[in-house]
């Protein structure tokens, strides 16, 4: 696994990078698959993203705008949200508030609790 976040050529990932959230949501809802593991989402506005079932493991969200995104059914294991805008975000229940805060403030990679 690469430790550095990647900018992939996946067409759906490129839609997110280009701010085409509605188009991404439509294509995902139609069943189109994408690989968003280990991706670089630095400074990207992801408001309005339908994130159910997306694997964001080991992705990097430095300074991303995640406001209002429901991430409860997304995989964020190993992801970092340093400096991201997270007002109104729903996080997976298995992510402890301390993990989220450490990642937000210090850029640590989030770990799911085993409870």
PDB file of N, CA and C in Angstrom:
ATOM      1  N   UNK A   1       0.838  -1.193   0.000  1.00  0.00           N
ATOM      2  CA  UNK A   1       0.000   0.000   0.000  1.00  0.00           C
ATOM      3  C   UNK A   1       0.874   1.243   0.000  1.00  0.00           C
ATOM      4  N   UNK A   2       0.538   2.180  -0.811  1.00  0.00           N
ATOM      5  CA  UNK A   2       1.256   3.451  -0.872  1.00  0.00           C
ATOM      6  C   UNK A   2       0.836   4.322   0.304  1.00  0.00           C
ATOM      7  N   UNK A   3       1.796   4.927   0.974  1.00  0.00           N
ATOM      8  CA  UNK A   3       1.489   5.804   2.103  1.00  0.00           C
ATOM      9  C   UNK A   3       1.062   7.185   1.626  1.00  0.00           C
ATOM     10  N   UNK A   4       1.526   7.598   0.467  1.00  0.00           N
ATOM     11  CA  UNK A   4       1.204   8.919  -0.056  1.00  0.00           C
ATOM     12  C   UNK A   4      -0.166   8.892  -0.735  1.00  0.00           C
ATOM     13  N   UNK A   5      -1.024   9.883  -0.450  1.00  0.00           N
ATOM     14  CA  UNK A   5      -2.335   9.916  -1.119  1.00  0.00           C
ATOM     15  C   UNK A   5      -2.167  10.012  -2.637  1.00  0.00           C
ATOM     16  N   UNK A   6      -3.058   9.349  -3.340  1.00  0.00           N
ATOM     17  CA  UNK A   6      -2.941   9.261  -4.790  1.00  0.00           C
ATOM     18  C   UNK A   6      -4.008  10.084  -5.511  1.00  0.00           C
ATOM     19  N   UNK A   7      -3.630  10.598  -6.652  1.00  0.00           N
ATOM     20  CA  UNK A   7      -4.586  11.206  -7.570  1.00  0.00           C
ATOM     21  C   UNK A   7      -4.765  10.182  -8.683  1.00  0.00           C
ATOM     22  N   UNK A   8      -5.873   9.456  -8.601  1.00  0.00           N
ATOM     23  CA  UNK A   8      -6.126   8.352  -9.530  1.00  0.00           C
ATOM     24  C   UNK A   8      -6.836   8.848 -10.781  1.00  0.00           C
ATOM     25  N   UNK A   9      -6.795   8.034 -11.802  1.00  0.00           N
ATOM     26  CA  UNK A   9      -7.452   8.365 -13.066  1.00  0.00           C
ATOM     27  C   UNK A   9      -8.873   7.812 -13.137  1.00  0.00           C
ATOM     28  N   UNK A  10      -9.352   7.214 -12.051  1.00  0.00           N
ATOM     29  CA  UNK A  10     -10.708   6.691 -11.993  1.00  0.00           C
ATOM     30  C   UNK A  10     -11.690   7.803 -12.386  1.00  0.00           C
ATOM     31  N   UNK A  11     -12.574   7.550 -13.359  1.00  0.00           N
ATOM     32  CA  UNK A  11     -13.486   8.601 -13.839  1.00  0.00           C
ATOM     33  C   UNK A  11     -14.379   9.198 -12.735  1.00  0.00           C
ATOM     34  N   UNK A  12     -14.876   8.381 -11.812  1.00  0.00           N
ATOM     35  CA  UNK A  12     -15.729   8.914 -10.756  1.00  0.00           C
ATOM     36  C   UNK A  12     -14.912   9.755  -9.772  1.00  0.00           C
ATOM     37  N   UNK A  13     -13.705   9.336  -9.467  1.00  0.00           N
ATOM     38  CA  UNK A  13     -12.833  10.140  -8.604  1.00  0.00           C
ATOM     39  C   UNK A  13     -12.556  11.489  -9.260  1.00  0.00           C
ATOM     40  N   UNK A  14     -12.321  11.488 -10.549  1.00  0.00           N
ATOM     41  CA  UNK A  14     -12.053  12.743 -11.262  1.00  0.00           C
ATOM     42  C   UNK A  14     -13.275  13.676 -11.213  1.00  0.00           C
ATOM     43  N   UNK A  15     -14.485  13.112 -11.227  1.00  0.00           N
ATOM     44  CA  UNK A  15     -15.691  13.943 -11.080  1.00  0.00           C
ATOM     45  C   UNK A  15     -15.661  14.678  -9.741  1.00  0.00           C
ATOM     46  N   UNK A  16     -15.267  13.981  -8.676  1.00  0.00           N
ATOM     47  CA  UNK A  16     -15.189  14.618  -7.360  1.00  0.00           C
ATOM     48  C   UNK A  16     -14.129  15.709  -7.343  1.00  0.00           C
ATOM     49  N   UNK A  17     -13.009  15.449  -7.947  1.00  0.00           N
ATOM     50  CA  UNK A  17     -11.936  16.449  -7.999  1.00  0.00           C
ATOM     51  C   UNK A  17     -12.373  17.688  -8.779  1.00  0.00           C
ATOM     52  N   UNK A  18     -13.252  17.484  -9.759  1.00  0.00           N
ATOM     53  CA  UNK A  18     -13.734  18.594 -10.587  1.00  0.00           C
ATOM     54  C   UNK A  18     -14.969  19.278  -9.986  1.00  0.00           C
ATOM     55  N   UNK A  19     -15.408  18.837  -8.795  1.00  0.00           N
ATOM     56  CA  UNK A  19     -16.563  19.459  -8.142  1.00  0.00           C
ATOM     57  C   UNK A  19     -17.904  19.038  -8.711  1.00  0.00           C
ATOM     58  N   UNK A  20     -17.938  17.952  -9.454  1.00  0.00           N
ATOM     59  CA  UNK A  20     -19.176  17.482 -10.077  1.00  0.00           C
ATOM     60  C   UNK A  20     -19.837  16.431  -9.194  1.00  0.00           C
ATOM     61  N   UNK A  21     -20.246  16.866  -8.009  1.00  0.00           N
ATOM     62  CA  UNK A  21     -20.804  15.972  -7.000  1.00  0.00           C
ATOM     63  C   UNK A  21     -22.113  15.344  -7.477  1.00  0.00           C
ATOM     64  N   UNK A  22     -22.999  16.138  -8.073  1.00  0.00           N
ATOM     65  CA  UNK A  22     -24.283  15.604  -8.543  1.00  0.00           C
ATOM     66  C   UNK A  22     -24.083  14.519  -9.590  1.00  0.00           C
ATOM     67  N   UNK A  23     -23.157  14.743 -10.520  1.00  0.00           N
ATOM     68  CA  UNK A  23     -22.872  13.740 -11.558  1.00  0.00           C
ATOM     69  C   UNK A  23     -22.301  12.471 -10.928  1.00  0.00           C
ATOM     70  N   UNK A  24     -21.394  12.630  -9.962  1.00  0.00           N
ATOM     71  CA  UNK A  24     -20.851  11.477  -9.238  1.00  0.00           C
ATOM     72  C   UNK A  24     -21.985  10.688  -8.593  1.00  0.00           C
ATOM     73  N   UNK A  25     -22.859  11.387  -7.858  1.00  0.00           N
ATOM     74  CA  UNK A  25     -23.962  10.725  -7.158  1.00  0.00           C
ATOM     75  C   UNK A  25     -24.867   9.967  -8.123  1.00  0.00           C
ATOM     76  N   UNK A  26     -25.174  10.559  -9.270  1.00  0.00           N
ATOM     77  CA  UNK A  26     -26.027   9.904 -10.268  1.00  0.00           C
ATOM     78  C   UNK A  26     -25.377   8.629 -10.797  1.00  0.00           C
ATOM     79  N   UNK A  27     -24.099   8.722 -11.140  1.00  0.00           N
ATOM     80  CA  UNK A  27     -23.410   7.562 -11.708  1.00  0.00           C
ATOM     81  C   UNK A  27     -23.208   6.463 -10.664  1.00  0.00           C
ATOM     82  N   UNK A  28     -22.937   6.848  -9.428  1.00  0.00           N
ATOM     83  CA  UNK A  28     -22.802   5.864  -8.343  1.00  0.00           C
ATOM     84  C   UNK A  28     -24.144   5.181  -8.112  1.00  0.00           C
ATOM     85  N   UNK A  29     -25.235   5.957  -8.074  1.00  0.00           N
ATOM     86  CA  UNK A  29     -26.577   5.406  -7.868  1.00  0.00           C
ATOM     87  C   UNK A  29     -26.972   4.453  -9.003  1.00  0.00           C
ATOM     88  N   UNK A  30     -26.432   4.684 -10.197  1.00  0.00           N
ATOM     89  CA  UNK A  30     -26.725   3.826 -11.348  1.00  0.00           C
ATOM     90  C   UNK A  30     -25.885   2.544 -11.317  1.00  0.00           C
ATOM     91  N   UNK A  31     -25.016   2.415 -10.296  1.00  0.00           N
ATOM     92  CA  UNK A  31     -24.248   1.186 -10.144  1.00  0.00           C
ATOM     93  C   UNK A  31     -22.813   1.253 -10.605  1.00  0.00           C
ATOM     94  N   UNK A  32     -22.368   2.402 -11.066  1.00  0.00           N
ATOM     95  CA  UNK A  32     -20.976   2.512 -11.501  1.00  0.00           C
ATOM     96  C   UNK A  32     -20.047   2.383 -10.294  1.00  0.00           C
ATOM     97  N   UNK A  33     -19.006   1.613 -10.449  1.00  0.00           N
ATOM     98  CA  UNK A  33     -18.060   1.341  -9.365  1.00  0.00           C
ATOM     99  C   UNK A  33     -16.846   2.267  -9.460  1.00  0.00           C
ATOM    100  N   UNK A  34     -16.222   2.510  -8.294  1.00  0.00           N
ATOM    101  CA  UNK A  34     -15.003   3.311  -8.273  1.00  0.00           C
ATOM    102  C   UNK A  34     -14.134   2.878  -7.107  1.00  0.00           C
ATOM    103  N   UNK A  35     -12.852   3.158  -7.219  1.00  0.00           N
ATOM    104  CA  UNK A  35     -11.890   2.855  -6.157  1.00  0.00           C
ATOM    105  C   UNK A  35     -11.423   4.173  -5.558  1.00  0.00           C
ATOM    106  N   UNK A  36     -11.884   4.478  -4.345  1.00  0.00           N
ATOM    107  CA  UNK A  36     -11.520   5.728  -3.689  1.00  0.00           C
ATOM    108  C   UNK A  36     -10.623   5.484  -2.475  1.00  0.00           C
ATOM    109  N   UNK A  37     -10.002   4.325  -2.407  1.00  0.00           N
ATOM    110  CA  UNK A  37      -9.076   4.047  -1.307  1.00  0.00           C
ATOM    111  C   UNK A  37      -7.754   4.770  -1.566  1.00  0.00           C
ATOM    112  N   UNK A  38      -7.210   5.341  -0.507  1.00  0.00           N
ATOM    113  CA  UNK A  38      -5.900   5.992  -0.600  1.00  0.00           C
ATOM    114  C   UNK A  38      -5.876   7.223  -1.481  1.00  0.00           C
ATOM    115  N   UNK A  39      -7.018   7.853  -1.700  1.00  0.00           N
ATOM    116  CA  UNK A  39      -7.094   9.003  -2.610  1.00  0.00           C
ATOM    117  C   UNK A  39      -6.803  10.329  -1.911  1.00  0.00           C
ATOM    118  N   UNK A  40      -6.399  11.285  -2.703  1.00  0.00           N
ATOM    119  CA  UNK A  40      -6.108  12.642  -2.253  1.00  0.00           C
ATOM    120  C   UNK A  40      -7.343  13.509  -2.497  1.00  0.00           C
ATOM    121  N   UNK A  41      -7.992  13.933  -1.399  1.00  0.00           N
ATOM    122  CA  UNK A  41      -9.151  14.817  -1.476  1.00  0.00           C
ATOM    123  C   UNK A  41      -8.814  16.181  -0.897  1.00  0.00           C
ATOM    124  N   UNK A  42      -7.565  16.505  -0.876  1.00  0.00           N
ATOM    125  CA  UNK A  42      -7.085  17.772  -0.304  1.00  0.00           C
ATOM    126  C   UNK A  42      -7.780  18.965  -0.956  1.00  0.00           C
ATOM    127  N   UNK A  43      -8.370  19.839  -0.107  1.00  0.00           N
ATOM    128  CA  UNK A  43      -9.011  21.090  -0.534  1.00  0.00           C
ATOM    129  C   UNK A  43     -10.229  20.909  -1.447  1.00  0.00           C
ATOM    130  N   UNK A  44     -10.817  19.731  -1.495  1.00  0.00           N
ATOM    131  CA  UNK A  44     -11.959  19.485  -2.378  1.00  0.00           C
ATOM    132  C   UNK A  44     -13.266  19.696  -1.611  1.00  0.00           C
ATOM    133  N   UNK A  45     -14.219  20.351  -2.242  1.00  0.00           N
ATOM    134  CA  UNK A  45     -15.539  20.568  -1.675  1.00  0.00           C
ATOM    135  C   UNK A  45     -16.395  19.344  -1.982  1.00  0.00           C
ATOM    136  N   UNK A  46     -16.714  18.562  -0.955  1.00  0.00           N
ATOM    137  CA  UNK A  46     -17.478  17.332  -1.125  1.00  0.00           C
ATOM    138  C   UNK A  46     -18.899  17.442  -0.573  1.00  0.00           C
ATOM    139  N   UNK A  47     -19.349  18.665  -0.307  1.00  0.00           N
ATOM    140  CA  UNK A  47     -20.714  18.841   0.195  1.00  0.00           C
ATOM    141  C   UNK A  47     -21.718  18.256  -0.796  1.00  0.00           C
ATOM    142  N   UNK A  48     -22.696  17.538  -0.249  1.00  0.00           N
ATOM    143  CA  UNK A  48     -23.731  16.919  -1.084  1.00  0.00           C
ATOM    144  C   UNK A  48     -23.389  15.520  -1.541  1.00  0.00           C
ATOM    145  N   UNK A  49     -22.208  15.023  -1.181  1.00  0.00           N
ATOM    146  CA  UNK A  49     -21.777  13.687  -1.592  1.00  0.00           C
ATOM    147  C   UNK A  49     -22.643  12.607  -0.953  1.00  0.00           C
ATOM    148  N   UNK A  50     -23.103  11.661  -1.756  1.00  0.00           N
ATOM    149  CA  UNK A  50     -23.800  10.469  -1.255  1.00  0.00           C
ATOM    150  C   UNK A  50     -22.725   9.420  -0.980  1.00  0.00           C
ATOM    151  N   UNK A  51     -22.307   9.316   0.287  1.00  0.00           N
ATOM    152  CA  UNK A  51     -21.125   8.528   0.636  1.00  0.00           C
ATOM    153  C   UNK A  51     -21.414   7.104   1.095  1.00  0.00           C
ATOM    154  N   UNK A  52     -22.675   6.697   1.134  1.00  0.00           N
ATOM    155  CA  UNK A  52     -23.007   5.341   1.597  1.00  0.00           C
ATOM    156  C   UNK A  52     -22.234   4.285   0.820  1.00  0.00           C
ATOM    157  N   UNK A  53     -21.560   3.418   1.572  1.00  0.00           N
ATOM    158  CA  UNK A  53     -20.869   2.284   0.966  1.00  0.00           C
ATOM    159  C   UNK A  53     -19.524   2.592   0.340  1.00  0.00           C
ATOM    160  N   UNK A  54     -19.057   3.825   0.404  1.00  0.00           N
ATOM    161  CA  UNK A  54     -17.782   4.171  -0.214  1.00  0.00           C
ATOM    162  C   UNK A  54     -16.626   3.819   0.719  1.00  0.00           C
ATOM    163  N   UNK A  55     -15.604   3.220   0.162  1.00  0.00           N
ATOM    164  CA  UNK A  55     -14.398   2.881   0.916  1.00  0.00           C
ATOM    165  C   UNK A  55     -13.382   4.005   0.737  1.00  0.00           C
ATOM    166  N   UNK A  56     -13.269   4.852   1.758  1.00  0.00           N
ATOM    167  CA  UNK A  56     -12.311   5.953   1.769  1.00  0.00           C
ATOM    168  C   UNK A  56     -11.073   5.587   2.592  1.00  0.00           C
ATOM    169  N   UNK A  57     -10.864   4.311   2.862  1.00  0.00           N
ATOM    170  CA  UNK A  57      -9.752   3.930   3.730  1.00  0.00           C
ATOM    171  C   UNK A  57      -8.436   4.494   3.196  1.00  0.00           C
ATOM    172  N   UNK A  58      -7.642   5.001   4.143  1.00  0.00           N
ATOM    173  CA  UNK A  58      -6.316   5.576   3.870  1.00  0.00           C
ATOM    174  C   UNK A  58      -6.345   6.802   2.963  1.00  0.00           C
ATOM    175  N   UNK A  59      -7.486   7.450   2.846  1.00  0.00           N
ATOM    176  CA  UNK A  59      -7.572   8.669   2.032  1.00  0.00           C
ATOM    177  C   UNK A  59      -7.212   9.895   2.861  1.00  0.00           C
ATOM    178  N   UNK A  60      -6.945  10.986   2.173  1.00  0.00           N
ATOM    179  CA  UNK A  60      -6.446  12.213   2.780  1.00  0.00           C
ATOM    180  C   UNK A  60      -7.403  13.354   2.471  1.00  0.00           C
ATOM    181  N   UNK A  61      -8.008  13.937   3.516  1.00  0.00           N
ATOM    182  CA  UNK A  61      -9.009  14.985   3.368  1.00  0.00           C
ATOM    183  C   UNK A  61      -8.535  16.323   3.944  1.00  0.00           C
ATOM    184  N   UNK A  62      -7.256  16.618   3.858  1.00  0.00           N
ATOM    185  CA  UNK A  62      -6.703  17.862   4.406  1.00  0.00           C
ATOM    186  C   UNK A  62      -7.427  19.072   3.806  1.00  0.00           C
ATOM    187  N   UNK A  63      -8.019  19.902   4.686  1.00  0.00           N
ATOM    188  CA  UNK A  63      -8.727  21.126   4.298  1.00  0.00           C
ATOM    189  C   UNK A  63      -9.917  20.883   3.361  1.00  0.00           C
ATOM    190  N   UNK A  64     -10.412  19.647   3.274  1.00  0.00           N
ATOM    191  CA  UNK A  64     -11.585  19.366   2.437  1.00  0.00           C
ATOM    192  C   UNK A  64     -12.838  19.912   3.114  1.00  0.00           C
ATOM    193  N   UNK A  65     -13.860  20.181   2.323  1.00  0.00           N
ATOM    194  CA  UNK A  65     -15.137  20.644   2.855  1.00  0.00           C
ATOM    195  C   UNK A  65     -16.096  19.458   2.869  1.00  0.00           C
ATOM    196  N   UNK A  66     -16.312  18.916   4.054  1.00  0.00           N
ATOM    197  CA  UNK A  66     -17.183  17.760   4.231  1.00  0.00           C
ATOM    198  C   UNK A  66     -18.499  18.130   4.907  1.00  0.00           C
ATOM    199  N   UNK A  67     -18.771  19.403   5.051  1.00  0.00           N
ATOM    200  CA  UNK A  67     -19.944  19.839   5.803  1.00  0.00           C
ATOM    201  C   UNK A  67     -21.218  19.160   5.323  1.00  0.00           C
ATOM    202  N   UNK A  68     -21.918  18.558   6.304  1.00  0.00           N
ATOM    203  CA  UNK A  68     -23.213  17.943   6.037  1.00  0.00           C
ATOM    204  C   UNK A  68     -23.165  16.571   5.392  1.00  0.00           C
ATOM    205  N   UNK A  69     -21.981  16.025   5.130  1.00  0.00           N
ATOM    206  CA  UNK A  69     -21.881  14.716   4.475  1.00  0.00           C
ATOM    207  C   UNK A  69     -22.153  13.607   5.497  1.00  0.00           C
ATOM    208  N   UNK A  70     -22.944  12.636   5.103  1.00  0.00           N
ATOM    209  CA  UNK A  70     -23.254  11.491   5.964  1.00  0.00           C
ATOM    210  C   UNK A  70     -22.262  10.374   5.650  1.00  0.00           C
ATOM    211  N   UNK A  71     -21.308  10.180   6.563  1.00  0.00           N
ATOM    212  CA  UNK A  71     -20.261   9.176   6.381  1.00  0.00           C
ATOM    213  C   UNK A  71     -20.503   7.928   7.224  1.00  0.00           C
ATOM    214  N   UNK A  72     -21.703   7.794   7.795  1.00  0.00           N
ATOM    215  CA  UNK A  72     -21.971   6.670   8.697  1.00  0.00           C
ATOM    216  C   UNK A  72     -21.769   5.315   8.045  1.00  0.00           C
ATOM    217  N   UNK A  73     -22.032   5.204   6.746  1.00  0.00           N
ATOM    218  CA  UNK A  73     -21.897   3.912   6.070  1.00  0.00           C
ATOM    219  C   UNK A  73     -20.694   3.887   5.128  1.00  0.00           C
ATOM    220  N   UNK A  74     -19.738   4.782   5.372  1.00  0.00           N
ATOM    221  CA  UNK A  74     -18.490   4.803   4.593  1.00  0.00           C
ATOM    222  C   UNK A  74     -17.370   4.229   5.448  1.00  0.00           C
ATOM    223  N   UNK A  75     -16.326   3.737   4.806  1.00  0.00           N
ATOM    224  CA  UNK A  75     -15.157   3.226   5.524  1.00  0.00           C
ATOM    225  C   UNK A  75     -14.103   4.329   5.569  1.00  0.00           C
ATOM    226  N   UNK A  76     -13.768   4.782   6.773  1.00  0.00           N
ATOM    227  CA  UNK A  76     -12.762   5.831   6.961  1.00  0.00           C
ATOM    228  C   UNK A  76     -11.527   5.320   7.689  1.00  0.00           C
ATOM    229  N   UNK A  77     -11.347   4.008   7.772  1.00  0.00           N
ATOM    230  CA  UNK A  77     -10.187   3.446   8.470  1.00  0.00           C
ATOM    231  C   UNK A  77      -8.898   3.951   7.829  1.00  0.00           C
ATOM    232  N   UNK A  78      -8.055   4.566   8.646  1.00  0.00           N
ATOM    233  CA  UNK A  78      -6.776   5.054   8.154  1.00  0.00           C
ATOM    234  C   UNK A  78      -6.840   6.378   7.429  1.00  0.00           C
ATOM    235  N   UNK A  79      -8.033   6.970   7.326  1.00  0.00           N
ATOM    236  CA  UNK A  79      -8.169   8.269   6.657  1.00  0.00           C
ATOM    237  C   UNK A  79      -7.750   9.389   7.600  1.00  0.00           C
ATOM    238  N   UNK A  80      -7.351  10.523   7.021  1.00  0.00           N
ATOM    239  CA  UNK A  80      -6.969  11.700   7.792  1.00  0.00           C
ATOM    240  C   UNK A  80      -7.814  12.882   7.336  1.00  0.00           C
ATOM    241  N   UNK A  81      -8.328  13.653   8.318  1.00  0.00           N
ATOM    242  CA  UNK A  81      -9.195  14.796   8.009  1.00  0.00           C
ATOM    243  C   UNK A  81      -8.596  16.103   8.516  1.00  0.00           C
ATOM    244  N   UNK A  82      -7.295  16.200   8.577  1.00  0.00           N
ATOM    245  CA  UNK A  82      -6.619  17.375   9.129  1.00  0.00           C
ATOM    246  C   UNK A  82      -7.153  18.674   8.536  1.00  0.00           C
ATOM    247  N   UNK A  83      -7.680  19.535   9.417  1.00  0.00           N
ATOM    248  CA  UNK A  83      -8.139  20.851   8.998  1.00  0.00           C
ATOM    249  C   UNK A  83      -9.386  20.869   8.142  1.00  0.00           C
ATOM    250  N   UNK A  84     -10.064  19.741   8.025  1.00  0.00           N
ATOM    251  CA  UNK A  84     -11.265  19.685   7.188  1.00  0.00           C
ATOM    252  C   UNK A  84     -12.414  20.439   7.851  1.00  0.00           C
ATOM    253  N   UNK A  85     -13.361  20.864   7.040  1.00  0.00           N
ATOM    254  CA  UNK A  85     -14.581  21.502   7.547  1.00  0.00           C
ATOM    255  C   UNK A  85     -15.594  20.383   7.756  1.00  0.00           C
ATOM    256  N   UNK A  86     -15.971  20.139   9.019  1.00  0.00           N
ATOM    257  CA  UNK A  86     -16.787  18.956   9.328  1.00  0.00           C
ATOM    258  C   UNK A  86     -18.100  19.284  10.037  1.00  0.00           C
ATOM    259  N   UNK A  87     -18.533  20.519  10.006  1.00  0.00           N
ATOM    260  CA  UNK A  87     -19.797  20.874  10.649  1.00  0.00           C
ATOM    261  C   UNK A  87     -20.938  20.062  10.039  1.00  0.00           C
ATOM    262  N   UNK A  88     -21.715  19.412  10.900  1.00  0.00           N
ATOM    263  CA  UNK A  88     -22.870  18.654  10.442  1.00  0.00           C
ATOM    264  C   UNK A  88     -22.560  17.298   9.853  1.00  0.00           C
ATOM    265  N   UNK A  89     -21.308  16.849   9.921  1.00  0.00           N
ATOM    266  CA  UNK A  89     -20.939  15.539   9.371  1.00  0.00           C
ATOM    267  C   UNK A  89     -21.376  14.435  10.324  1.00  0.00           C
ATOM    268  N   UNK A  90     -21.943  13.374   9.775  1.00  0.00           N
ATOM    269  CA  UNK A  90     -22.198  12.154  10.521  1.00  0.00           C
ATOM    270  C   UNK A  90     -21.003  11.239  10.279  1.00  0.00           C
ATOM    271  N   UNK A  91     -20.352  10.800  11.363  1.00  0.00           N
ATOM    272  CA  UNK A  91     -19.235   9.864  11.263  1.00  0.00           C
ATOM    273  C   UNK A  91     -19.707   8.475  11.665  1.00  0.00           C
ATOM    274  N   UNK A  92     -19.000   7.418  11.218  1.00  0.00           N
ATOM    275  CA  UNK A  92     -19.357   6.066  11.638  1.00  0.00           C
ATOM    276  C   UNK A  92     -19.323   5.948  13.166  1.00  0.00           C
ATOM    277  N   UNK A  93     -20.290   5.229  13.734  1.00  0.00           N
ATOM    278  CA  UNK A  93     -20.384   5.077  15.186  1.00  0.00           C
ATOM    279  C   UNK A  93     -19.137   4.424  15.774  1.00  0.00           C
ATOM    280  N   UNK A  94     -18.452   3.613  14.994  1.00  0.00           N
ATOM    281  CA  UNK A  94     -17.256   2.921  15.488  1.00  0.00           C
ATOM    282  C   UNK A  94     -16.028   3.827  15.572  1.00  0.00           C
ATOM    283  N   UNK A  95     -16.144   5.072  15.097  1.00  0.00           N
ATOM    284  CA  UNK A  95     -15.044   6.031  15.230  1.00  0.00           C
ATOM    285  C   UNK A  95     -15.279   6.850  16.492  1.00  0.00           C
ATOM    286  N   UNK A  96     -14.389   6.718  17.448  1.00  0.00           N
ATOM    287  CA  UNK A  96     -14.520   7.456  18.702  1.00  0.00           C
ATOM    288  C   UNK A  96     -14.313   8.951  18.445  1.00  0.00           C
ATOM    289  N   UNK A  97     -15.025   9.786  19.183  1.00  0.00           N
ATOM    290  CA  UNK A  97     -14.846  11.237  19.029  1.00  0.00           C
ATOM    291  C   UNK A  97     -13.387  11.668  19.181  1.00  0.00           C
ATOM    292  N   UNK A  98     -12.648  10.992  20.048  1.00  0.00           N
ATOM    293  CA  UNK A  98     -11.234  11.321  20.240  1.00  0.00           C
ATOM    294  C   UNK A  98     -10.430  11.067  18.967  1.00  0.00           C
ATOM    295  N   UNK A  99     -10.751   9.985  18.267  1.00  0.00           N
ATOM    296  CA  UNK A  99     -10.062   9.666  17.004  1.00  0.00           C
ATOM    297  C   UNK A  99     -10.334  10.761  15.974  1.00  0.00           C
ATOM    298  N   UNK A 100     -11.584  11.169  15.893  1.00  0.00           N
ATOM    299  CA  UNK A 100     -11.968  12.202  14.935  1.00  0.00           C
ATOM    300  C   UNK A 100     -11.244  13.503  15.266  1.00  0.00           C
ATOM    301  N   UNK A 101     -11.245  13.876  16.542  1.00  0.00           N
ATOM    302  CA  UNK A 101     -10.596  15.121  16.959  1.00  0.00           C
ATOM    303  C   UNK A 101      -9.084  15.088  16.720  1.00  0.00           C
ATOM    304  N   UNK A 102      -8.439  13.978  17.035  1.00  0.00           N
ATOM    305  CA  UNK A 102      -6.992  13.868  16.795  1.00  0.00           C
ATOM    306  C   UNK A 102      -6.673  14.007  15.303  1.00  0.00           C
ATOM    307  N   UNK A 103      -7.505  13.411  14.472  1.00  0.00           N
ATOM    308  CA  UNK A 103      -7.285  13.505  13.037  1.00  0.00           C
ATOM    309  C   UNK A 103      -7.524  14.927  12.543  1.00  0.00           C
ATOM    310  N   UNK A 104      -8.591  15.551  13.032  1.00  0.00           N
ATOM    311  CA  UNK A 104      -8.918  16.914  12.625  1.00  0.00           C
ATOM    312  C   UNK A 104      -7.828  17.899  13.041  1.00  0.00           C
ATOM    313  N   UNK A 105      -7.357  17.788  14.260  1.00  0.00           N
ATOM    314  CA  UNK A 105      -6.399  18.753  14.797  1.00  0.00           C
ATOM    315  C   UNK A 105      -4.941  18.450  14.445  1.00  0.00           C
ATOM    316  N   UNK A 106      -4.593  17.160  14.353  1.00  0.00           N
ATOM    317  CA  UNK A 106      -3.189  16.784  14.191  1.00  0.00           C
ATOM    318  C   UNK A 106      -2.899  15.932  12.956  1.00  0.00           C
ATOM    319  N   UNK A 107      -3.930  15.559  12.230  1.00  0.00           N
ATOM    320  CA  UNK A 107      -3.721  14.798  11.005  1.00  0.00           C
ATOM    321  C   UNK A 107      -3.476  13.319  11.196  1.00  0.00           C
ATOM    322  N   UNK A 108      -3.747  12.801  12.404  1.00  0.00           N
ATOM    323  CA  UNK A 108      -3.545  11.367  12.607  1.00  0.00           C
ATOM    324  C   UNK A 108      -4.534  10.585  11.745  1.00  0.00           C
ATOM    325  N   UNK A 109      -4.185   9.362  11.484  1.00  0.00           N
ATOM    326  CA  UNK A 109      -5.077   8.483  10.717  1.00  0.00           C
ATOM    327  C   UNK A 109      -6.072   7.851  11.672  1.00  0.00           C
ATOM    328  N   UNK A 110      -7.339   7.872  11.293  1.00  0.00           N
ATOM    329  CA  UNK A 110      -8.394   7.411  12.186  1.00  0.00           C
ATOM    330  C   UNK A 110      -8.432   5.886  12.271  1.00  0.00           C
ATOM    331  N   UNK A 111      -8.646   5.415  13.507  1.00  0.00           N
ATOM    332  CA  UNK A 111      -8.736   3.979  13.779  1.00  0.00           C
ATOM    333  C   UNK A 111     -10.100   3.690  14.387  1.00  0.00           C
ATOM    334  N   UNK A 112     -10.714   2.624  13.913  1.00  0.00           N
ATOM    335  CA  UNK A 112     -12.002   2.194  14.444  1.00  0.00           C
ATOM    336  C   UNK A 112     -11.784   1.483  15.776  1.00  0.00           C
ATOM    337  N   UNK A 113     -12.719   1.703  16.714  1.00  0.00           N
ATOM    338  CA  UNK A 113     -12.626   1.011  18.002  1.00  0.00           C
ATOM    339  C   UNK A 113     -13.125  -0.413  17.822  1.00  0.00           C
ATOM    340  N   UNK A 114     -12.677  -1.287  18.700  1.00  0.00           N
ATOM    341  CA  UNK A 114     -13.058  -2.700  18.629  1.00  0.00           C
ATOM    342  C   UNK A 114     -14.224  -3.016  19.555  1.00  0.00           C
ATOM    343  N   UNK A 115     -14.946  -1.997  19.994  1.00  0.00           N
ATOM    344  CA  UNK A 115     -16.048  -2.221  20.936  1.00  0.00           C
ATOM    345  C   UNK A 115     -17.219  -2.842  20.254  1.00  0.00           C
TER     346      UNK A 115
END
